[in-house]
Structure formats: structure tokens, C-alpha cells
Protein backbone atom coordinates (compact mmCIF):
# COMPACT_ATOMS: atom_id res chain seq x y z
CA MET A 1 1.65 37.70 230.58
CA LEU A 2 1.03 35.66 227.42
CA HIS A 3 -2.53 35.52 226.15
CA ALA A 4 -4.02 32.36 224.71
CA PRO A 5 -3.58 32.37 220.95
CA PRO A 6 -6.37 31.43 218.58
CA PRO A 7 -5.03 27.84 218.14
CA LEU A 8 -5.98 26.75 221.68
CA PRO A 9 -9.78 27.01 221.22
CA GLU A 10 -9.46 25.30 217.82
CA TRP A 11 -8.45 22.09 219.62
CA GLU A 12 -11.77 21.80 221.43
CA ALA A 13 -13.34 19.21 219.07
CA TYR A 14 -10.19 17.07 219.11
CA TYR A 15 -10.10 16.95 222.89
CA LEU A 16 -13.83 16.38 223.13
CA ILE A 17 -13.38 13.25 221.01
CA ILE A 18 -10.23 11.94 222.65
CA GLY A 19 -11.32 12.80 226.20
CA THR A 20 -14.67 11.10 225.71
CA SER A 21 -12.93 8.06 224.26
CA ALA A 22 -10.55 7.86 227.22
CA ALA A 23 -13.47 8.13 229.65
CA ALA A 24 -15.36 5.31 227.90
CA LEU A 25 -12.24 3.14 227.80
CA THR A 26 -11.69 3.77 231.50
CA GLY A 27 -15.14 2.34 232.17
CA LEU A 28 -14.44 -0.69 229.99
CA ASN A 29 -11.20 -1.26 231.85
CA PHE A 30 -13.20 -1.47 235.09
CA VAL A 31 -15.25 -4.24 233.47
CA VAL A 32 -12.10 -6.12 232.41
CA ILE A 33 -10.67 -6.00 235.92
CA ALA A 34 -14.01 -7.05 237.45
CA LEU A 35 -14.24 -10.01 235.08
CA GLY A 36 -10.59 -10.80 235.76
CA SER A 37 -11.30 -11.16 239.44
CA GLU A 38 -13.19 -14.33 238.51
CA THR A 39 -9.96 -16.07 237.48
CA THR A 40 -7.24 -17.25 239.82
CA ARG A 41 -4.46 -16.21 237.44
CA ILE A 42 -4.94 -12.44 237.39
CA GLY A 43 -2.04 -12.10 239.81
CA GLY A 44 -1.72 -10.36 243.12
CA ASP A 45 -2.02 -6.74 244.14
CA ASP A 46 1.55 -6.07 242.99
CA THR A 47 0.77 -7.31 239.48
CA VAL A 48 -2.38 -5.18 239.23
CA LYS A 49 -0.42 -2.14 240.50
CA ALA A 50 2.28 -2.77 237.92
CA PHE A 51 0.12 -3.50 234.89
CA GLY A 52 -3.52 -2.61 235.56
CA THR A 53 -3.42 0.64 237.47
CA PRO A 54 -1.07 2.44 235.04
CA THR A 55 -3.56 1.84 232.23
CA MET A 56 -6.21 3.64 234.26
CA VAL A 57 -3.77 6.45 235.06
CA HIS A 58 -2.92 6.95 231.37
CA PHE A 59 -6.61 7.15 230.43
CA CYS A 60 -7.18 9.63 233.27
CA VAL A 61 -4.25 11.76 232.09
CA VAL A 62 -5.86 11.92 228.64
CA ILE A 63 -9.05 13.16 230.29
CA LEU A 64 -6.96 15.69 232.24
CA LEU A 65 -5.19 16.87 229.06
CA SER A 66 -8.59 17.29 227.42
CA ALA A 67 -9.74 19.43 230.33
CA ILE A 68 -6.54 21.47 230.28
CA ALA A 69 -6.75 22.09 226.54
CA THR A 70 -10.39 23.15 226.62
CA ALA A 71 -10.38 25.24 229.82
CA PRO A 72 -10.83 29.00 229.39
CA TRP A 73 -7.24 29.96 230.20
CA GLN A 74 -6.28 33.60 230.44
CA SER A 75 -2.64 32.96 229.53
CA LEU A 76 -0.39 30.32 228.04
CA SER A 77 1.95 30.57 231.01
CA ALA A 78 -0.73 28.95 233.19
CA VAL A 79 -1.22 26.22 230.57
CA ALA A 80 2.54 25.67 230.48
CA LEU A 81 2.71 25.36 234.27
CA VAL A 82 -0.07 22.76 234.42
CA LEU A 83 1.28 20.78 231.45
CA GLY A 84 4.78 20.82 232.92
CA ALA A 85 3.55 19.63 236.31
CA THR A 86 1.52 16.87 234.65
CA GLY A 87 4.52 15.78 232.61
CA LEU A 88 6.87 15.74 235.60
CA ALA A 89 4.36 13.78 237.69
CA GLY A 90 3.97 11.33 234.79
CA VAL A 91 7.72 10.80 234.48
CA ALA A 92 7.96 10.12 238.22
CA TYR A 93 4.96 7.79 238.11
CA SER A 94 6.50 5.91 235.17
CA GLY A 95 9.59 5.22 237.26
CA PHE A 96 7.35 3.87 240.02
CA VAL A 97 5.56 1.61 237.50
CA VAL A 98 8.85 0.14 236.28
CA ARG A 99 9.88 -0.61 239.87
CA GLN A 100 6.49 -2.23 240.52
CA ALA A 101 6.84 -4.39 237.40
CA GLN A 102 10.32 -5.49 238.47
CA GLN A 103 9.23 -6.33 242.03
CA GLN A 104 6.02 -8.25 241.35
CA THR A 105 6.40 -12.02 241.04
CA SER A 106 3.09 -13.24 239.57
CA TYR A 107 3.95 -12.48 235.95
CA THR A 108 7.18 -12.38 233.99
CA PRO A 109 7.06 -9.34 231.68
CA GLU A 110 7.98 -9.87 228.05
CA PRO A 111 10.00 -7.33 226.01
CA SER A 112 6.79 -5.87 224.57
CA ASP A 113 5.49 -5.35 228.12
CA TRP A 114 8.58 -3.32 228.95
CA PHE A 115 8.10 -1.25 225.77
CA TRP A 116 4.40 -0.49 226.37
CA HIS A 117 4.61 -0.06 230.15
CA GLY A 118 8.17 1.14 230.74
CA VAL A 119 9.36 2.99 227.63
CA LEU A 120 6.44 4.69 225.86
CA PRO A 121 4.71 6.28 228.88
CA PRO A 122 7.78 8.16 230.20
CA VAL A 123 8.51 9.32 226.65
CA CYS A 124 4.98 10.74 226.49
CA TYR A 125 5.27 12.47 229.83
CA ALA A 126 8.70 13.87 228.98
CA ALA A 127 7.21 15.22 225.74
CA LEU A 128 4.62 17.07 227.84
CA VAL A 129 7.44 18.74 229.77
CA VAL A 130 9.07 19.75 226.49
CA ALA A 131 5.75 21.08 225.16
CA ALA A 132 5.32 23.10 228.36
CA LEU A 133 8.76 24.63 227.90
CA LEU A 134 8.09 25.47 224.24
CA ILE A 135 4.51 26.66 224.40
CA SER A 136 5.26 30.35 224.96
CA ARG A 137 7.44 30.65 221.82
CA HIS A 138 6.05 27.88 219.64
CA ALA A 139 2.42 27.48 220.73
CA HIS A 140 1.21 25.88 217.51
CA GLU A 141 3.87 23.18 217.52
CA ALA A 142 3.65 22.60 221.28
CA LEU A 143 -0.11 22.08 221.05
CA PHE A 144 0.48 19.41 218.41
CA VAL A 145 2.90 17.69 220.79
CA VAL A 146 0.27 17.73 223.55
CA ALA A 147 -2.32 16.32 221.10
CA ALA A 148 0.10 13.59 220.04
CA VAL A 149 0.80 12.70 223.68
CA ALA A 150 -2.93 12.42 224.40
CA LEU A 151 -3.41 10.17 221.39
CA LEU A 152 -0.39 8.01 222.20
CA LEU A 153 -1.45 7.62 225.84
CA THR A 154 -4.87 6.52 224.58
CA TYR A 155 -3.22 3.93 222.31
CA ILE A 156 -1.00 2.78 225.16
CA GLY A 157 -4.07 2.35 227.35
CA ILE A 158 -5.93 0.46 224.61
CA HIS A 159 -2.97 -1.84 224.02
CA ASN A 160 -2.42 -2.51 227.71
CA ALA A 161 -6.13 -3.06 228.40
CA TRP A 162 -6.29 -5.48 225.45
CA ASP A 163 -3.21 -7.28 226.76
CA SER A 164 -4.84 -7.61 230.18
CA ALA A 165 -8.16 -8.76 228.73
CA THR A 166 -6.56 -11.45 226.55
CA TYR A 167 -4.34 -12.61 229.43
CA ILE A 168 -7.38 -12.87 231.70
CA ALA A 169 -9.46 -14.67 229.05
CA LEU A 170 -6.71 -17.14 228.26
CA SER A 171 -6.07 -17.72 231.96
CA ALA A 172 -9.76 -18.36 232.61
CA SER A 173 -9.87 -20.80 229.69
CA ARG A 174 -6.73 -22.55 230.95
CA ASP A 175 -8.22 -22.76 234.47
CA ALA A 176 -11.43 -24.30 233.09
CA ARG A 177 -9.47 -26.91 231.10
CA GLU A 178 -7.39 -27.80 234.16
CA ARG A 179 -10.55 -28.18 236.29
CA ASP A 180 -12.10 -30.39 233.59
CA ARG A 181 -8.98 -32.58 233.43
CA ALA A 182 -8.81 -32.83 237.22
CA GLY A 183 -12.51 -33.69 237.39
CA SER A 184 -12.24 -36.38 234.73
CA ARG A 185 -9.29 -37.96 236.56
CA THR A 186 -11.16 -38.15 239.86
CA SER A 187 -14.37 -39.47 238.32
CA SER A 188 -12.80 -42.10 236.02
CA PRO A 189 -12.94 -45.71 237.24
CA ASP A 190 -9.69 -47.29 238.45
């Protein structure tokens, strides 16, 4: 059985910062979605499942990675097992997200949407699988891969939440302008 090397506890401050950030951003994302429910252009359930829910999942995976990296493990083989399972689940979930994005009809994804929602996340989750496979022989390097994945998933979540917030804000503004135009047409004398 492999015992946890000294590098694992040294990551505690890093994961405290990134895990706390992901938790705070998760809360802010709830606010964005709640405010978005005020507009008629947020899309249907399929659109939220394709573009909103994955953002929450990525933030939650960062929190999970923070917990994994700071737990008092007795061996690296247990860490490898949990990281590998997380990575495999993430790859499978990423495939589901791409299918959801293709099937929803409320929004036409742009190339950047495909990159941030369909390309980067599965790359991150695949990197977790690779880190899990390498951790027993190259713990130091594998732990840097896990840290990079956590940071990149946080950036992906920030980008996607920002995209959603700006889309919602612009949609609400557009809705208000359309209501104003419609109101001025009905109230103007003939």
C-alpha cells in the first residue's frame, strides 16, 4: 500500500482557496439563475440543463477535488481510485452535456460555446483520469495536474456563468425595449 507523500498536505492552502472560491461562485450562480427567471428569454429546461447545470457541476467538482486533496488519506491508491472515478464520471457527464446542447432548441450555440461547454470540460476530466493513473509513480506531477484541473474547471465555471449572466441581462434589456415599443404603438393616436 502506498503512503501519502509529503506533497499532499502541502496542497491544503491551495485547495482551501480554490474550494472556497468555487463554493462562493456556486452561490452567485444561484443568484444569476434566479434573476434570469425574471426574463422570458432564458430558455426552457433543456437549455438550462445544457448550459446552466454544467456550470454548477463544474464548481461542485472543484469543491470535491478540494475535499479529496485535503482529506487525511492513508494511501495514494485510495486517492487515485477517487480521482479516477471522478474523472470518468466527468467524461461521461460531458458527453451528456454535449447531447443536451445539441438537442435543446431555445438557443443556437456559437463556436465558443462548444469550446467552453463541450471541449474543455472533458479534457479536464480526462486529465483527472490520467493523474489518477500516474499518481503512484509520479505523485508530485500528478498533484499538479489535479490542481490545474481544479483551476481550469473554476475558470470554465466563471466564463460560463458570465456568459449566462450577460445573455440574461441583454435578453431582459431587449424584452424591456420591445415592451416599450409595443406600448408606445398601442398608446399613440391614429
